[in-house]
Amino acid sequence: MSLNTEYNFHQADKHFFRAYRPGDDFYEALIEMHRDLTDEQSEAVNARLILLLANQIGDLNVLREAMTAARQGVKSSG
């Protein structure tokens, strides 16, 4: 398995009239997850979400690809 960087949002048993809708629904849920949290709480919930999703993926090669892709273009502070 390799990292999928193409549009891949979907919801089982639900059909959407517009292809972007599941991605919008995810973004809305992600924003809602952070509502009324402090910056520190948001960081903690992000870390927990990352670990839960990493466990769901399970494939270390895919996770390494994702970490490399996420780091690209981000400047280090050092």
N, C-alpha and C. Protein backbone atom coordinates (compact mmCIF):
# COMPACT_ATOMS: atom_id res chain seq x y z
N MET A 1 0.85 -1.17 0.00
CA MET A 1 0.00 0.00 0.00
C MET A 1 0.90 1.23 0.00
N SER A 2 0.50 2.25 -0.75
CA SER A 2 1.24 3.51 -0.74
C SER A 2 0.30 4.64 -0.37
N LEU A 3 0.88 5.76 -0.02
CA LEU A 3 0.11 6.92 0.42
C LEU A 3 -0.77 7.44 -0.71
N ASN A 4 -2.04 7.60 -0.43
CA ASN A 4 -2.98 8.15 -1.40
C ASN A 4 -3.10 9.64 -1.15
N THR A 5 -2.66 10.44 -2.10
CA THR A 5 -2.77 11.89 -1.96
C THR A 5 -3.85 12.48 -2.87
N GLU A 6 -4.60 11.62 -3.51
CA GLU A 6 -5.72 12.05 -4.34
C GLU A 6 -6.97 12.21 -3.47
N TYR A 7 -7.93 12.98 -3.98
CA TYR A 7 -9.20 13.16 -3.29
C TYR A 7 -9.81 11.80 -2.96
N ASN A 8 -10.10 11.56 -1.68
CA ASN A 8 -10.56 10.24 -1.28
C ASN A 8 -11.64 10.29 -0.20
N PHE A 9 -12.28 11.43 -0.01
CA PHE A 9 -13.32 11.52 1.01
C PHE A 9 -14.60 10.85 0.52
N HIS A 10 -15.18 10.05 1.36
CA HIS A 10 -16.46 9.42 1.06
C HIS A 10 -17.11 9.01 2.37
N GLN A 11 -18.34 8.64 2.29
CA GLN A 11 -19.06 8.15 3.45
C GLN A 11 -19.87 6.94 2.99
N ALA A 12 -19.65 5.83 3.64
CA ALA A 12 -20.34 4.59 3.26
C ALA A 12 -21.85 4.79 3.30
N ASP A 13 -22.52 4.23 2.34
CA ASP A 13 -23.99 4.25 2.27
C ASP A 13 -24.58 5.64 2.11
N LYS A 14 -23.79 6.60 1.63
CA LYS A 14 -24.32 7.93 1.39
C LYS A 14 -23.82 8.40 0.04
N HIS A 15 -24.73 8.91 -0.77
CA HIS A 15 -24.38 9.42 -2.10
C HIS A 15 -24.47 10.94 -2.09
N PHE A 16 -23.49 11.57 -2.68
CA PHE A 16 -23.41 13.02 -2.70
C PHE A 16 -23.61 13.51 -4.13
N PHE A 17 -24.31 14.62 -4.28
CA PHE A 17 -24.53 15.19 -5.60
C PHE A 17 -23.31 15.97 -6.08
N ARG A 18 -22.50 16.43 -5.15
CA ARG A 18 -21.28 17.16 -5.50
C ARG A 18 -20.09 16.43 -4.90
N ALA A 19 -19.05 16.26 -5.69
CA ALA A 19 -17.90 15.47 -5.26
C ALA A 19 -17.19 16.07 -4.06
N TYR A 20 -17.22 17.37 -3.88
CA TYR A 20 -16.48 18.00 -2.78
C TYR A 20 -17.19 17.91 -1.44
N ARG A 21 -18.44 17.52 -1.42
CA ARG A 21 -19.24 17.57 -0.20
C ARG A 21 -18.66 16.75 0.96
N PRO A 22 -18.21 15.51 0.77
CA PRO A 22 -17.66 14.78 1.92
C PRO A 22 -16.44 15.47 2.51
N GLY A 23 -15.60 16.08 1.68
CA GLY A 23 -14.45 16.82 2.18
C GLY A 23 -14.88 18.03 2.99
N ASP A 24 -15.91 18.72 2.53
CA ASP A 24 -16.45 19.86 3.28
C ASP A 24 -17.01 19.40 4.61
N ASP A 25 -17.71 18.28 4.62
CA ASP A 25 -18.27 17.75 5.86
C ASP A 25 -17.17 17.39 6.85
N PHE A 26 -16.06 16.82 6.34
CA PHE A 26 -14.93 16.50 7.21
C PHE A 26 -14.34 17.77 7.80
N TYR A 27 -14.12 18.78 6.96
CA TYR A 27 -13.55 20.04 7.43
C TYR A 27 -14.44 20.66 8.50
N GLU A 28 -15.74 20.65 8.29
CA GLU A 28 -16.68 21.20 9.27
C GLU A 28 -16.60 20.43 10.59
N ALA A 29 -16.52 19.11 10.52
CA ALA A 29 -16.41 18.30 11.73
C ALA A 29 -15.09 18.57 12.45
N LEU A 30 -14.02 18.76 11.68
CA LEU A 30 -12.72 19.05 12.27
C LEU A 30 -12.73 20.39 13.00
N ILE A 31 -13.32 21.39 12.39
CA ILE A 31 -13.43 22.70 13.04
C ILE A 31 -14.30 22.60 14.29
N GLU A 32 -15.40 21.87 14.20
CA GLU A 32 -16.30 21.70 15.35
C GLU A 32 -15.58 20.99 16.51
N MET A 33 -14.71 20.04 16.18
CA MET A 33 -13.96 19.31 17.20
C MET A 33 -13.13 20.28 18.05
N HIS A 34 -12.68 21.38 17.46
CA HIS A 34 -11.82 22.34 18.15
C HIS A 34 -12.59 23.48 18.81
N ARG A 35 -13.89 23.56 18.57
CA ARG A 35 -14.67 24.67 19.11
C ARG A 35 -14.57 24.72 20.64
N ASP A 36 -14.34 25.91 21.15
CA ASP A 36 -14.28 26.20 22.59
C ASP A 36 -13.09 25.56 23.30
N LEU A 37 -12.08 25.12 22.56
CA LEU A 37 -10.88 24.58 23.18
C LEU A 37 -9.79 25.64 23.22
N THR A 38 -8.93 25.56 24.23
CA THR A 38 -7.76 26.42 24.28
C THR A 38 -6.76 25.92 23.24
N ASP A 39 -5.73 26.70 22.97
CA ASP A 39 -4.68 26.26 22.04
C ASP A 39 -4.06 24.96 22.51
N GLU A 40 -3.80 24.86 23.81
CA GLU A 40 -3.20 23.64 24.36
C GLU A 40 -4.12 22.44 24.20
N GLN A 41 -5.41 22.63 24.44
CA GLN A 41 -6.38 21.55 24.28
C GLN A 41 -6.48 21.15 22.81
N SER A 42 -6.44 22.12 21.90
CA SER A 42 -6.48 21.81 20.46
C SER A 42 -5.26 20.99 20.05
N GLU A 43 -4.09 21.36 20.56
CA GLU A 43 -2.89 20.59 20.26
C GLU A 43 -3.01 19.16 20.77
N ALA A 44 -3.57 19.00 21.97
CA ALA A 44 -3.74 17.66 22.54
C ALA A 44 -4.72 16.83 21.74
N VAL A 45 -5.84 17.43 21.31
CA VAL A 45 -6.83 16.68 20.55
C VAL A 45 -6.29 16.35 19.16
N ASN A 46 -5.48 17.25 18.58
CA ASN A 46 -4.84 16.93 17.29
C ASN A 46 -3.89 15.75 17.44
N ALA A 47 -3.09 15.76 18.49
CA ALA A 47 -2.15 14.66 18.71
C ALA A 47 -2.89 13.34 18.90
N ARG A 48 -3.96 13.38 19.66
CA ARG A 48 -4.75 12.16 19.88
C ARG A 48 -5.37 11.66 18.57
N LEU A 49 -5.91 12.59 17.76
CA LEU A 49 -6.49 12.23 16.48
C LEU A 49 -5.45 11.61 15.56
N ILE A 50 -4.25 12.21 15.52
CA ILE A 50 -3.17 11.66 14.69
C ILE A 50 -2.86 10.23 15.10
N LEU A 51 -2.75 9.98 16.39
CA LEU A 51 -2.42 8.63 16.86
C LEU A 51 -3.55 7.64 16.56
N LEU A 52 -4.79 8.07 16.72
CA LEU A 52 -5.93 7.19 16.40
C LEU A 52 -5.95 6.85 14.91
N LEU A 53 -5.74 7.85 14.05
CA LEU A 53 -5.75 7.60 12.61
C LEU A 53 -4.55 6.77 12.18
N ALA A 54 -3.39 7.02 12.79
CA ALA A 54 -2.20 6.22 12.48
C ALA A 54 -2.43 4.76 12.84
N ASN A 55 -3.06 4.52 13.96
CA ASN A 55 -3.38 3.15 14.35
C ASN A 55 -4.35 2.52 13.37
N GLN A 56 -5.32 3.30 12.89
CA GLN A 56 -6.28 2.80 11.91
C GLN A 56 -5.59 2.41 10.61
N ILE A 57 -4.65 3.26 10.16
CA ILE A 57 -3.89 2.97 8.93
C ILE A 57 -3.00 1.77 9.14
N GLY A 58 -2.21 1.80 10.20
CA GLY A 58 -1.41 0.65 10.62
C GLY A 58 -0.17 0.34 9.81
N ASP A 59 -0.10 0.73 8.56
CA ASP A 59 1.02 0.41 7.68
C ASP A 59 2.12 1.44 7.90
N LEU A 60 3.27 1.00 8.48
CA LEU A 60 4.34 1.92 8.81
C LEU A 60 4.93 2.61 7.58
N ASN A 61 4.98 1.92 6.46
CA ASN A 61 5.49 2.56 5.24
C ASN A 61 4.59 3.71 4.80
N VAL A 62 3.29 3.51 4.85
CA VAL A 62 2.35 4.56 4.49
C VAL A 62 2.46 5.72 5.48
N LEU A 63 2.59 5.40 6.74
CA LEU A 63 2.72 6.45 7.75
C LEU A 63 3.99 7.26 7.55
N ARG A 64 5.08 6.59 7.21
CA ARG A 64 6.33 7.31 6.93
C ARG A 64 6.18 8.21 5.70
N GLU A 65 5.51 7.71 4.67
CA GLU A 65 5.25 8.53 3.47
C GLU A 65 4.42 9.76 3.84
N ALA A 66 3.41 9.56 4.68
CA ALA A 66 2.55 10.66 5.09
C ALA A 66 3.34 11.69 5.89
N MET A 67 4.21 11.24 6.78
CA MET A 67 5.01 12.17 7.57
C MET A 67 5.96 12.96 6.69
N THR A 68 6.55 12.31 5.70
CA THR A 68 7.44 12.99 4.77
C THR A 68 6.66 14.02 3.96
N ALA A 69 5.49 13.64 3.45
CA ALA A 69 4.67 14.55 2.67
C ALA A 69 4.21 15.74 3.52
N ALA A 70 3.85 15.50 4.77
CA ALA A 70 3.39 16.56 5.65
C ALA A 70 4.51 17.55 5.97
N ARG A 71 5.72 17.06 6.03
CA ARG A 71 6.88 17.90 6.40
C ARG A 71 7.37 18.75 5.22
N GLN A 72 7.11 18.30 4.00
CA GLN A 72 7.59 19.02 2.81
C GLN A 72 7.06 20.45 2.80
N GLY A 73 7.93 21.38 2.55
CA GLY A 73 7.54 22.77 2.44
C GLY A 73 7.41 23.49 3.77
N VAL A 74 7.61 22.79 4.88
CA VAL A 74 7.54 23.42 6.18
C VAL A 74 8.96 23.72 6.64
N LYS A 75 9.22 24.97 6.92
CA LYS A 75 10.56 25.37 7.34
C LYS A 75 10.77 25.04 8.81
N SER A 76 11.95 24.52 9.12
CA SER A 76 12.28 24.25 10.52
C SER A 76 12.69 25.55 11.19
N SER A 77 12.53 25.61 12.49
CA SER A 77 12.86 26.83 13.23
C SER A 77 14.33 26.87 13.62
N GLY A 78 15.06 25.77 13.32
CA GLY A 78 16.45 25.71 13.76
C GLY A 78 17.46 26.01 12.73
